Amino acid sequence: PDDIITMEWLAENVVGKVPEFEELTDEAKRAGADPSVFAPAAVKRCGLFQGAELVAKGGGTHSLKSLKKGLFGKPAQMVFEMDVKDVQDDRFELEFHYCPLVKAWQKQGCTDEEISDLCDWAMCGDRGIGEAYGCKLDLLKTIARGDDVCHLIYHREK
């Protein structure tokens, strides 16, 4: 048991950092850009790229079982304290009981509203990944908005 690394230890000892809210927004504002307009699109674009890579690594299949294997394996399940509720070819439901991003943003002194915005922007990457699999992502709950879990459902519309 002494050898088990906790999420608190991980959050305190990871080298590097998540960009602070002001680092992401101040320079954009100085240039006349509204971060709430470009950030979601930029993050989604990254997710689309990441999703295409995951599809390719999974042999070209668009099965959500492949997404689980490629992105939500044991390491991710441990970091996010994840419960996989259901995984099928066309539906994948999961819950996160811990979010290291929220923890980092709290540590940086972000307000609850800023954390909610940053989470919304970050989830655009997950939406892009889902789109690369031909699916939509429903985000039913988020830790960033004060819920006890992040509850995600990827699903293919028929």
N, C-alpha and C. Protein backbone atom coordinates (compact mmCIF):
# COMPACT_ATOMS: atom_id res chain seq x y z
N PRO A 1 0.80 -1.21 0.00
CA PRO A 1 0.00 0.00 0.00
C PRO A 1 0.85 1.28 0.00
N ASP A 2 2.03 1.27 0.62
CA ASP A 2 2.86 2.47 0.63
C ASP A 2 3.39 2.81 -0.75
N ASP A 3 3.40 1.85 -1.66
CA ASP A 3 3.93 2.07 -3.00
C ASP A 3 2.88 2.63 -3.96
N ILE A 4 1.65 2.75 -3.52
CA ILE A 4 0.58 3.25 -4.39
C ILE A 4 0.68 4.76 -4.47
N ILE A 5 0.69 5.28 -5.69
CA ILE A 5 0.74 6.72 -5.91
C ILE A 5 -0.69 7.24 -5.93
N THR A 6 -0.96 8.23 -5.10
CA THR A 6 -2.30 8.82 -5.05
C THR A 6 -2.42 9.95 -6.06
N MET A 7 -3.64 10.34 -6.36
CA MET A 7 -3.88 11.44 -7.29
C MET A 7 -3.36 12.75 -6.71
N GLU A 8 -3.47 12.93 -5.39
CA GLU A 8 -2.94 14.14 -4.76
C GLU A 8 -1.43 14.23 -4.97
N TRP A 9 -0.72 13.12 -4.78
CA TRP A 9 0.72 13.11 -5.00
C TRP A 9 1.03 13.43 -6.45
N LEU A 10 0.27 12.83 -7.36
CA LEU A 10 0.49 13.05 -8.78
C LEU A 10 0.31 14.53 -9.12
N ALA A 11 -0.77 15.14 -8.63
CA ALA A 11 -1.05 16.54 -8.92
C ALA A 11 0.04 17.46 -8.39
N GLU A 12 0.63 17.10 -7.25
CA GLU A 12 1.66 17.93 -6.63
C GLU A 12 3.05 17.70 -7.21
N ASN A 13 3.28 16.59 -7.88
CA ASN A 13 4.63 16.23 -8.29
C ASN A 13 4.86 16.11 -9.79
N VAL A 14 3.84 16.34 -10.58
CA VAL A 14 4.02 16.28 -12.03
C VAL A 14 4.86 17.48 -12.47
N VAL A 15 5.86 17.22 -13.29
CA VAL A 15 6.70 18.30 -13.80
C VAL A 15 5.92 19.04 -14.87
N GLY A 16 6.02 20.35 -14.84
CA GLY A 16 5.28 21.16 -15.79
C GLY A 16 3.98 21.62 -15.17
N LYS A 17 3.15 22.24 -15.98
CA LYS A 17 1.89 22.74 -15.46
C LYS A 17 0.88 22.90 -16.57
N VAL A 18 -0.36 22.99 -16.16
CA VAL A 18 -1.43 23.33 -17.07
C VAL A 18 -1.38 24.84 -17.24
N PRO A 19 -1.48 25.38 -18.46
CA PRO A 19 -1.45 26.83 -18.62
C PRO A 19 -2.50 27.51 -17.76
N GLU A 20 -2.09 28.62 -17.16
CA GLU A 20 -3.02 29.39 -16.34
C GLU A 20 -4.03 30.09 -17.25
N PHE A 21 -5.19 30.33 -16.70
CA PHE A 21 -6.27 30.96 -17.45
C PHE A 21 -5.78 32.25 -18.12
N GLU A 22 -5.08 33.09 -17.34
CA GLU A 22 -4.61 34.36 -17.89
C GLU A 22 -3.60 34.16 -19.00
N GLU A 23 -2.77 33.11 -18.90
CA GLU A 23 -1.80 32.83 -19.95
C GLU A 23 -2.51 32.51 -21.27
N LEU A 24 -3.65 31.87 -21.17
CA LEU A 24 -4.40 31.50 -22.36
C LEU A 24 -5.23 32.64 -22.93
N THR A 25 -5.57 33.61 -22.10
CA THR A 25 -6.51 34.62 -22.54
C THR A 25 -5.93 36.02 -22.70
N ASP A 26 -4.98 36.42 -21.87
CA ASP A 26 -4.48 37.80 -21.91
C ASP A 26 -3.87 38.18 -23.24
N GLU A 27 -2.99 37.35 -23.76
CA GLU A 27 -2.34 37.68 -25.03
C GLU A 27 -3.35 37.74 -26.16
N ALA A 28 -4.31 36.85 -26.13
CA ALA A 28 -5.35 36.87 -27.16
C ALA A 28 -6.15 38.17 -27.09
N LYS A 29 -6.51 38.58 -25.89
CA LYS A 29 -7.27 39.82 -25.73
C LYS A 29 -6.46 41.02 -26.20
N ARG A 30 -5.18 41.03 -25.89
CA ARG A 30 -4.31 42.13 -26.35
C ARG A 30 -4.28 42.20 -27.87
N ALA A 31 -4.41 41.06 -28.51
CA ALA A 31 -4.40 41.03 -29.98
C ALA A 31 -5.81 41.26 -30.55
N GLY A 32 -6.78 41.49 -29.68
CA GLY A 32 -8.14 41.76 -30.13
C GLY A 32 -8.98 40.52 -30.38
N ALA A 33 -8.52 39.38 -29.92
CA ALA A 33 -9.26 38.13 -30.12
C ALA A 33 -9.99 37.75 -28.84
N ASP A 34 -11.14 37.14 -28.99
CA ASP A 34 -11.93 36.67 -27.86
C ASP A 34 -11.66 35.18 -27.67
N PRO A 35 -11.00 34.82 -26.56
CA PRO A 35 -10.67 33.40 -26.34
C PRO A 35 -11.87 32.47 -26.39
N SER A 36 -13.03 32.96 -25.97
CA SER A 36 -14.21 32.08 -25.97
C SER A 36 -14.67 31.76 -27.39
N VAL A 37 -14.16 32.51 -28.37
CA VAL A 37 -14.52 32.25 -29.76
C VAL A 37 -13.53 31.29 -30.40
N PHE A 38 -12.22 31.52 -30.19
CA PHE A 38 -11.24 30.69 -30.90
C PHE A 38 -10.78 29.47 -30.11
N ALA A 39 -10.78 29.52 -28.79
CA ALA A 39 -10.25 28.40 -28.00
C ALA A 39 -11.02 27.11 -28.24
N PRO A 40 -12.35 27.12 -28.18
CA PRO A 40 -13.07 25.86 -28.43
C PRO A 40 -12.77 25.25 -29.80
N ALA A 41 -12.71 26.10 -30.83
CA ALA A 41 -12.43 25.59 -32.17
C ALA A 41 -11.01 25.02 -32.27
N ALA A 42 -10.05 25.70 -31.64
CA ALA A 42 -8.66 25.23 -31.68
C ALA A 42 -8.52 23.89 -30.95
N VAL A 43 -9.16 23.77 -29.81
CA VAL A 43 -9.08 22.54 -29.04
C VAL A 43 -9.80 21.41 -29.77
N LYS A 44 -10.94 21.70 -30.39
CA LYS A 44 -11.66 20.67 -31.15
C LYS A 44 -10.79 20.19 -32.31
N ARG A 45 -10.12 21.09 -32.96
CA ARG A 45 -9.23 20.72 -34.07
C ARG A 45 -8.15 19.74 -33.59
N CYS A 46 -7.62 20.01 -32.43
CA CYS A 46 -6.64 19.09 -31.83
C CYS A 46 -7.28 17.74 -31.57
N GLY A 47 -8.51 17.73 -31.06
CA GLY A 47 -9.22 16.48 -30.80
C GLY A 47 -9.51 15.70 -32.07
N LEU A 48 -9.85 16.41 -33.14
CA LEU A 48 -10.09 15.74 -34.43
C LEU A 48 -8.81 15.04 -34.91
N PHE A 49 -7.68 15.73 -34.76
CA PHE A 49 -6.38 15.15 -35.15
C PHE A 49 -6.08 13.93 -34.28
N GLN A 50 -6.23 14.10 -32.96
CA GLN A 50 -5.97 13.00 -32.03
C GLN A 50 -6.91 11.83 -32.31
N GLY A 51 -8.17 12.12 -32.58
CA GLY A 51 -9.13 11.07 -32.88
C GLY A 51 -8.78 10.31 -34.14
N ALA A 52 -8.35 11.03 -35.18
CA ALA A 52 -7.94 10.37 -36.43
C ALA A 52 -6.76 9.45 -36.18
N GLU A 53 -5.82 9.88 -35.35
CA GLU A 53 -4.68 9.04 -34.99
C GLU A 53 -5.12 7.78 -34.24
N LEU A 54 -6.07 7.94 -33.33
CA LEU A 54 -6.58 6.80 -32.57
C LEU A 54 -7.31 5.81 -33.48
N VAL A 55 -8.10 6.34 -34.41
CA VAL A 55 -8.79 5.46 -35.37
C VAL A 55 -7.77 4.68 -36.19
N ALA A 56 -6.74 5.37 -36.67
CA ALA A 56 -5.71 4.71 -37.48
C ALA A 56 -4.97 3.64 -36.66
N LYS A 57 -4.61 3.98 -35.42
CA LYS A 57 -3.91 3.01 -34.56
C LYS A 57 -4.79 1.82 -34.22
N GLY A 58 -6.11 2.03 -34.23
CA GLY A 58 -7.05 0.95 -33.94
C GLY A 58 -7.41 0.13 -35.17
N GLY A 59 -6.65 0.32 -36.24
CA GLY A 59 -6.88 -0.47 -37.45
C GLY A 59 -7.96 0.09 -38.36
N GLY A 60 -8.34 1.35 -38.14
CA GLY A 60 -9.33 1.98 -39.00
C GLY A 60 -10.76 1.77 -38.56
N THR A 61 -10.96 1.05 -37.48
CA THR A 61 -12.33 0.82 -37.01
C THR A 61 -12.87 2.08 -36.31
N HIS A 62 -14.15 2.30 -36.43
CA HIS A 62 -14.81 3.40 -35.75
C HIS A 62 -15.62 2.89 -34.55
N SER A 63 -15.34 1.68 -34.13
CA SER A 63 -16.00 1.12 -32.95
C SER A 63 -15.55 1.87 -31.70
N LEU A 64 -16.49 2.16 -30.84
CA LEU A 64 -16.15 2.83 -29.60
C LEU A 64 -15.41 1.91 -28.63
N LYS A 65 -15.43 0.61 -28.90
CA LYS A 65 -14.59 -0.31 -28.14
C LYS A 65 -13.12 0.00 -28.41
N SER A 66 -12.82 0.39 -29.63
CA SER A 66 -11.47 0.78 -29.99
C SER A 66 -11.07 2.09 -29.30
N LEU A 67 -12.01 3.03 -29.18
CA LEU A 67 -11.73 4.29 -28.46
C LEU A 67 -11.39 3.99 -27.00
N LYS A 68 -12.16 3.13 -26.38
CA LYS A 68 -11.88 2.77 -24.99
C LYS A 68 -10.48 2.20 -24.86
N LYS A 69 -10.14 1.29 -25.75
CA LYS A 69 -8.82 0.65 -25.69
C LYS A 69 -7.70 1.65 -25.96
N GLY A 70 -7.91 2.54 -26.93
CA GLY A 70 -6.86 3.46 -27.33
C GLY A 70 -6.66 4.65 -26.42
N LEU A 71 -7.72 5.15 -25.81
CA LEU A 71 -7.61 6.39 -25.03
C LEU A 71 -7.93 6.20 -23.55
N PHE A 72 -8.79 5.27 -23.25
CA PHE A 72 -9.27 5.12 -21.87
C PHE A 72 -8.84 3.79 -21.27
N GLY A 73 -7.57 3.43 -21.48
CA GLY A 73 -7.02 2.20 -20.92
C GLY A 73 -6.74 2.35 -19.43
N LYS A 74 -6.05 1.39 -18.88
CA LYS A 74 -5.79 1.34 -17.43
C LYS A 74 -5.11 2.60 -16.89
N PRO A 75 -4.07 3.15 -17.55
CA PRO A 75 -3.45 4.37 -16.99
C PRO A 75 -4.45 5.52 -16.85
N ALA A 76 -5.24 5.77 -17.89
CA ALA A 76 -6.23 6.85 -17.83
C ALA A 76 -7.30 6.53 -16.78
N GLN A 77 -7.68 5.25 -16.70
CA GLN A 77 -8.69 4.87 -15.71
C GLN A 77 -8.19 5.14 -14.30
N MET A 78 -6.90 4.94 -14.07
CA MET A 78 -6.34 5.20 -12.73
C MET A 78 -6.25 6.70 -12.47
N VAL A 79 -5.75 7.48 -13.41
CA VAL A 79 -5.57 8.92 -13.21
C VAL A 79 -6.90 9.62 -12.97
N PHE A 80 -7.91 9.29 -13.76
CA PHE A 80 -9.20 9.95 -13.65
C PHE A 80 -10.16 9.23 -12.71
N GLU A 81 -9.67 8.18 -12.04
CA GLU A 81 -10.51 7.37 -11.15
C GLU A 81 -11.82 7.06 -11.88
N MET A 82 -11.67 6.41 -13.02
CA MET A 82 -12.72 6.21 -13.99
C MET A 82 -13.50 4.92 -13.77
N ASP A 83 -14.79 5.03 -13.98
CA ASP A 83 -15.66 3.86 -14.04
C ASP A 83 -16.21 3.77 -15.45
N VAL A 84 -15.92 2.66 -16.12
CA VAL A 84 -16.51 2.41 -17.43
C VAL A 84 -17.86 1.76 -17.17
N LYS A 85 -18.93 2.44 -17.56
CA LYS A 85 -20.29 1.97 -17.29
C LYS A 85 -20.79 1.03 -18.38
N ASP A 86 -20.44 1.34 -19.64
CA ASP A 86 -20.95 0.56 -20.76
C ASP A 86 -20.06 0.84 -21.96
N VAL A 87 -19.67 -0.20 -22.67
CA VAL A 87 -18.92 0.00 -23.91
C VAL A 87 -19.43 -0.98 -24.96
N GLN A 88 -19.88 -0.42 -26.07
CA GLN A 88 -20.37 -1.17 -27.22
C GLN A 88 -19.77 -0.51 -28.46
N ASP A 89 -20.03 -1.07 -29.61
CA ASP A 89 -19.50 -0.48 -30.84
C ASP A 89 -20.02 0.95 -31.06
N ASP A 90 -21.27 1.21 -30.68
CA ASP A 90 -21.91 2.49 -30.98
C ASP A 90 -22.24 3.34 -29.76
N ARG A 91 -21.82 2.89 -28.57
CA ARG A 91 -22.12 3.63 -27.34
C ARG A 91 -21.05 3.34 -26.31
N PHE A 92 -20.59 4.40 -25.66
CA PHE A 92 -19.54 4.27 -24.64
C PHE A 92 -19.86 5.26 -23.53
N GLU A 93 -20.15 4.72 -22.34
CA GLU A 93 -20.52 5.55 -21.20
C GLU A 93 -19.48 5.38 -20.09
N LEU A 94 -19.04 6.50 -19.53
CA LEU A 94 -18.05 6.44 -18.47
C LEU A 94 -18.20 7.61 -17.52
N GLU A 95 -17.66 7.44 -16.33
CA GLU A 95 -17.65 8.50 -15.32
C GLU A 95 -16.24 8.67 -14.78
N PHE A 96 -15.85 9.93 -14.59
CA PHE A 96 -14.59 10.26 -13.94
C PHE A 96 -14.91 10.75 -12.53
N HIS A 97 -14.20 10.21 -11.54
CA HIS A 97 -14.41 10.66 -10.16
C HIS A 97 -13.35 11.67 -9.73
N TYR A 98 -12.40 11.93 -10.60
CA TYR A 98 -11.32 12.88 -10.30
C TYR A 98 -10.90 13.54 -11.61
N CYS A 99 -10.61 14.83 -11.56
CA CYS A 99 -10.12 15.53 -12.74
C CYS A 99 -8.86 16.31 -12.39
N PRO A 100 -7.69 15.87 -12.90
CA PRO A 100 -6.45 16.58 -12.59
C PRO A 100 -6.43 18.00 -13.17
N LEU A 101 -7.19 18.24 -14.23
CA LEU A 101 -7.25 19.59 -14.78
C LEU A 101 -7.96 20.54 -13.81
N VAL A 102 -9.10 20.12 -13.30
CA VAL A 102 -9.82 20.95 -12.33
C VAL A 102 -8.93 21.21 -11.12
N LYS A 103 -8.25 20.19 -10.65
CA LYS A 103 -7.37 20.34 -9.49
C LYS A 103 -6.26 21.36 -9.78
N ALA A 104 -5.68 21.29 -10.97
CA ALA A 104 -4.61 22.22 -11.35
C ALA A 104 -5.15 23.65 -11.45
N TRP A 105 -6.33 23.81 -12.05
CA TRP A 105 -6.91 25.15 -12.18
C TRP A 105 -7.27 25.72 -10.81
N GLN A 106 -7.74 24.89 -9.90
CA GLN A 106 -8.02 25.35 -8.54
C GLN A 106 -6.74 25.81 -7.86
N LYS A 107 -5.68 25.03 -8.04
CA LYS A 107 -4.38 25.36 -7.45
C LYS A 107 -3.85 26.69 -7.98
N GLN A 108 -4.18 27.00 -9.22
CA GLN A 108 -3.73 28.24 -9.83
C GLN A 108 -4.60 29.43 -9.44
N GLY A 109 -5.66 29.18 -8.69
CA GLY A 109 -6.50 30.25 -8.20
C GLY A 109 -7.61 30.68 -9.13
N CYS A 110 -7.95 29.85 -10.10
CA CYS A 110 -9.05 30.18 -11.02
C CYS A 110 -10.37 30.20 -10.26
N THR A 111 -11.25 31.07 -10.70
CA THR A 111 -12.59 31.12 -10.11
C THR A 111 -13.40 29.93 -10.61
N ASP A 112 -14.52 29.67 -9.96
CA ASP A 112 -15.40 28.58 -10.41
C ASP A 112 -15.87 28.81 -11.84
N GLU A 113 -16.15 30.07 -12.19
CA GLU A 113 -16.60 30.39 -13.55
C GLU A 113 -15.48 30.13 -14.57
N GLU A 114 -14.25 30.52 -14.23
CA GLU A 114 -13.12 30.27 -15.12
C GLU A 114 -12.89 28.77 -15.31
N ILE A 115 -12.99 28.02 -14.22
CA ILE A 115 -12.80 26.57 -14.30
C ILE A 115 -13.87 25.95 -15.19
N SER A 116 -15.10 26.40 -15.05
CA SER A 116 -16.18 25.89 -15.89
C SER A 116 -15.91 26.19 -17.37
N ASP A 117 -15.45 27.42 -17.66
CA ASP A 117 -15.13 27.78 -19.04
C ASP A 117 -13.97 26.94 -19.58
N LEU A 118 -12.91 26.80 -18.79
CA LEU A 118 -11.75 26.01 -19.23
C LEU A 118 -12.15 24.57 -19.48
N CYS A 119 -13.00 24.03 -18.64
CA CYS A 119 -13.48 22.65 -18.82
C CYS A 119 -14.28 22.54 -20.13
N ASP A 120 -15.16 23.50 -20.36
CA ASP A 120 -15.94 23.48 -21.60
C ASP A 120 -15.01 23.49 -22.82
N TRP A 121 -13.98 24.31 -22.76
CA TRP A 121 -13.03 24.39 -23.86
C TRP A 121 -12.27 23.07 -24.00
N ALA A 122 -11.81 22.52 -22.88
CA ALA A 122 -11.05 21.27 -22.91
C ALA A 122 -11.90 20.13 -23.48
N MET A 123 -13.17 20.10 -23.13
CA MET A 123 -14.04 19.03 -23.61
C MET A 123 -14.30 19.11 -25.11
N CYS A 124 -14.01 20.25 -25.72
CA CYS A 124 -14.12 20.34 -27.18
C CYS A 124 -13.14 19.38 -27.84
N GLY A 125 -12.01 19.10 -27.19
CA GLY A 125 -11.09 18.10 -27.71
C GLY A 125 -11.71 16.72 -27.68
N ASP A 126 -12.40 16.39 -26.60
CA ASP A 126 -13.08 15.10 -26.50
C ASP A 126 -14.22 14.99 -27.51
N ARG A 127 -14.88 16.11 -27.77
CA ARG A 127 -15.92 16.12 -28.80
C ARG A 127 -15.31 15.87 -30.18
N GLY A 128 -14.14 16.47 -30.42
CA GLY A 128 -13.45 16.23 -31.68
C GLY A 128 -13.04 14.78 -31.84
N ILE A 129 -12.57 14.17 -30.76
CA ILE A 129 -12.22 12.75 -30.80
C ILE A 129 -13.46 11.93 -31.15
N GLY A 130 -14.57 12.24 -30.50
CA GLY A 130 -15.82 11.54 -30.80
C GLY A 130 -16.23 11.70 -32.25
N GLU A 131 -16.09 12.91 -32.76
CA GLU A 131 -16.45 13.17 -34.15
C GLU A 131 -15.58 12.35 -35.11
N ALA A 132 -14.30 12.18 -34.77
CA ALA A 132 -13.42 11.35 -35.60
C ALA A 132 -13.90 9.90 -35.65
N TYR A 133 -14.62 9.48 -34.62
CA TYR A 133 -15.21 8.13 -34.58
C TYR A 133 -16.63 8.12 -35.15
N GLY A 134 -17.07 9.26 -35.65
CA GLY A 134 -18.42 9.34 -36.20
C GLY A 134 -19.49 9.41 -35.12
N CYS A 135 -19.10 9.93 -33.94
CA CYS A 135 -20.00 9.94 -32.79
C CYS A 135 -20.15 11.33 -32.20
N LYS A 136 -21.15 11.47 -31.38
CA LYS A 136 -21.36 12.68 -30.59
C LYS A 136 -20.99 12.36 -29.15
N LEU A 137 -20.68 13.41 -28.40
CA LEU A 137 -20.39 13.28 -26.98
C LEU A 137 -21.41 14.07 -26.20
N ASP A 138 -22.12 13.41 -25.29
CA ASP A 138 -23.00 14.08 -24.35
C ASP A 138 -22.27 14.15 -23.02
N LEU A 139 -22.20 15.34 -22.47
CA LEU A 139 -21.54 15.57 -21.19
C LEU A 139 -22.63 15.90 -20.18
N LEU A 140 -23.05 14.88 -19.43
CA LEU A 140 -24.20 15.02 -18.55
C LEU A 140 -23.88 15.72 -17.23
N LYS A 141 -22.67 15.50 -16.73
CA LYS A 141 -22.22 16.12 -15.47
C LYS A 141 -20.75 16.44 -15.61
N THR A 142 -20.30 17.48 -14.86
CA THR A 142 -18.87 17.76 -14.80
C THR A 142 -18.46 18.16 -13.39
N ILE A 143 -17.30 17.72 -13.01
CA ILE A 143 -16.71 18.12 -11.74
C ILE A 143 -16.49 19.63 -11.74
N ALA A 144 -16.13 20.18 -12.90
CA ALA A 144 -15.87 21.62 -13.02
C ALA A 144 -17.09 22.47 -12.68
N ARG A 145 -18.27 21.92 -12.88
CA ARG A 145 -19.50 22.66 -12.56
C ARG A 145 -20.06 22.29 -11.19
N GLY A 146 -19.28 21.53 -10.43
CA GLY A 146 -19.69 21.21 -9.07
C GLY A 146 -20.33 19.85 -8.89
N ASP A 147 -20.44 19.09 -9.97
CA ASP A 147 -21.01 17.74 -9.85
C ASP A 147 -19.97 16.81 -9.20
N ASP A 148 -20.44 15.68 -8.70
CA ASP A 148 -19.54 14.74 -8.04
C ASP A 148 -18.70 13.94 -9.03
N VAL A 149 -19.12 13.89 -10.29
CA VAL A 149 -18.40 13.15 -11.33
C VAL A 149 -18.52 13.90 -12.66
N CYS A 150 -17.68 13.50 -13.59
CA CYS A 150 -17.88 13.86 -14.99
C CYS A 150 -18.52 12.62 -15.62
N HIS A 151 -19.67 12.80 -16.21
CA HIS A 151 -20.42 11.69 -16.79
C HIS A 151 -20.48 11.94 -18.30
N LEU A 152 -19.82 11.06 -19.06
CA LEU A 152 -19.72 11.20 -20.50
C LEU A 152 -20.40 10.04 -21.19
N ILE A 153 -21.06 10.33 -22.28
CA ILE A 153 -21.62 9.29 -23.15
C ILE A 153 -21.28 9.63 -24.60
N TYR A 154 -20.44 8.79 -25.20
CA TYR A 154 -20.21 8.86 -26.64
C TYR A 154 -21.26 7.98 -27.29
N HIS A 155 -21.87 8.45 -28.38
CA HIS A 155 -22.89 7.63 -29.05
C HIS A 155 -22.93 7.96 -30.53
N ARG A 156 -23.21 6.95 -31.28
CA ARG A 156 -23.36 7.10 -32.72
C ARG A 156 -24.86 7.26 -32.99
N GLU A 157 -25.21 8.33 -33.69
CA GLU A 157 -26.60 8.55 -34.05
C GLU A 157 -26.91 7.75 -35.30
N LYS A 158 -28.02 7.06 -35.30
CA LYS A 158 -28.36 6.18 -36.42
C LYS A 158 -29.29 6.85 -37.38
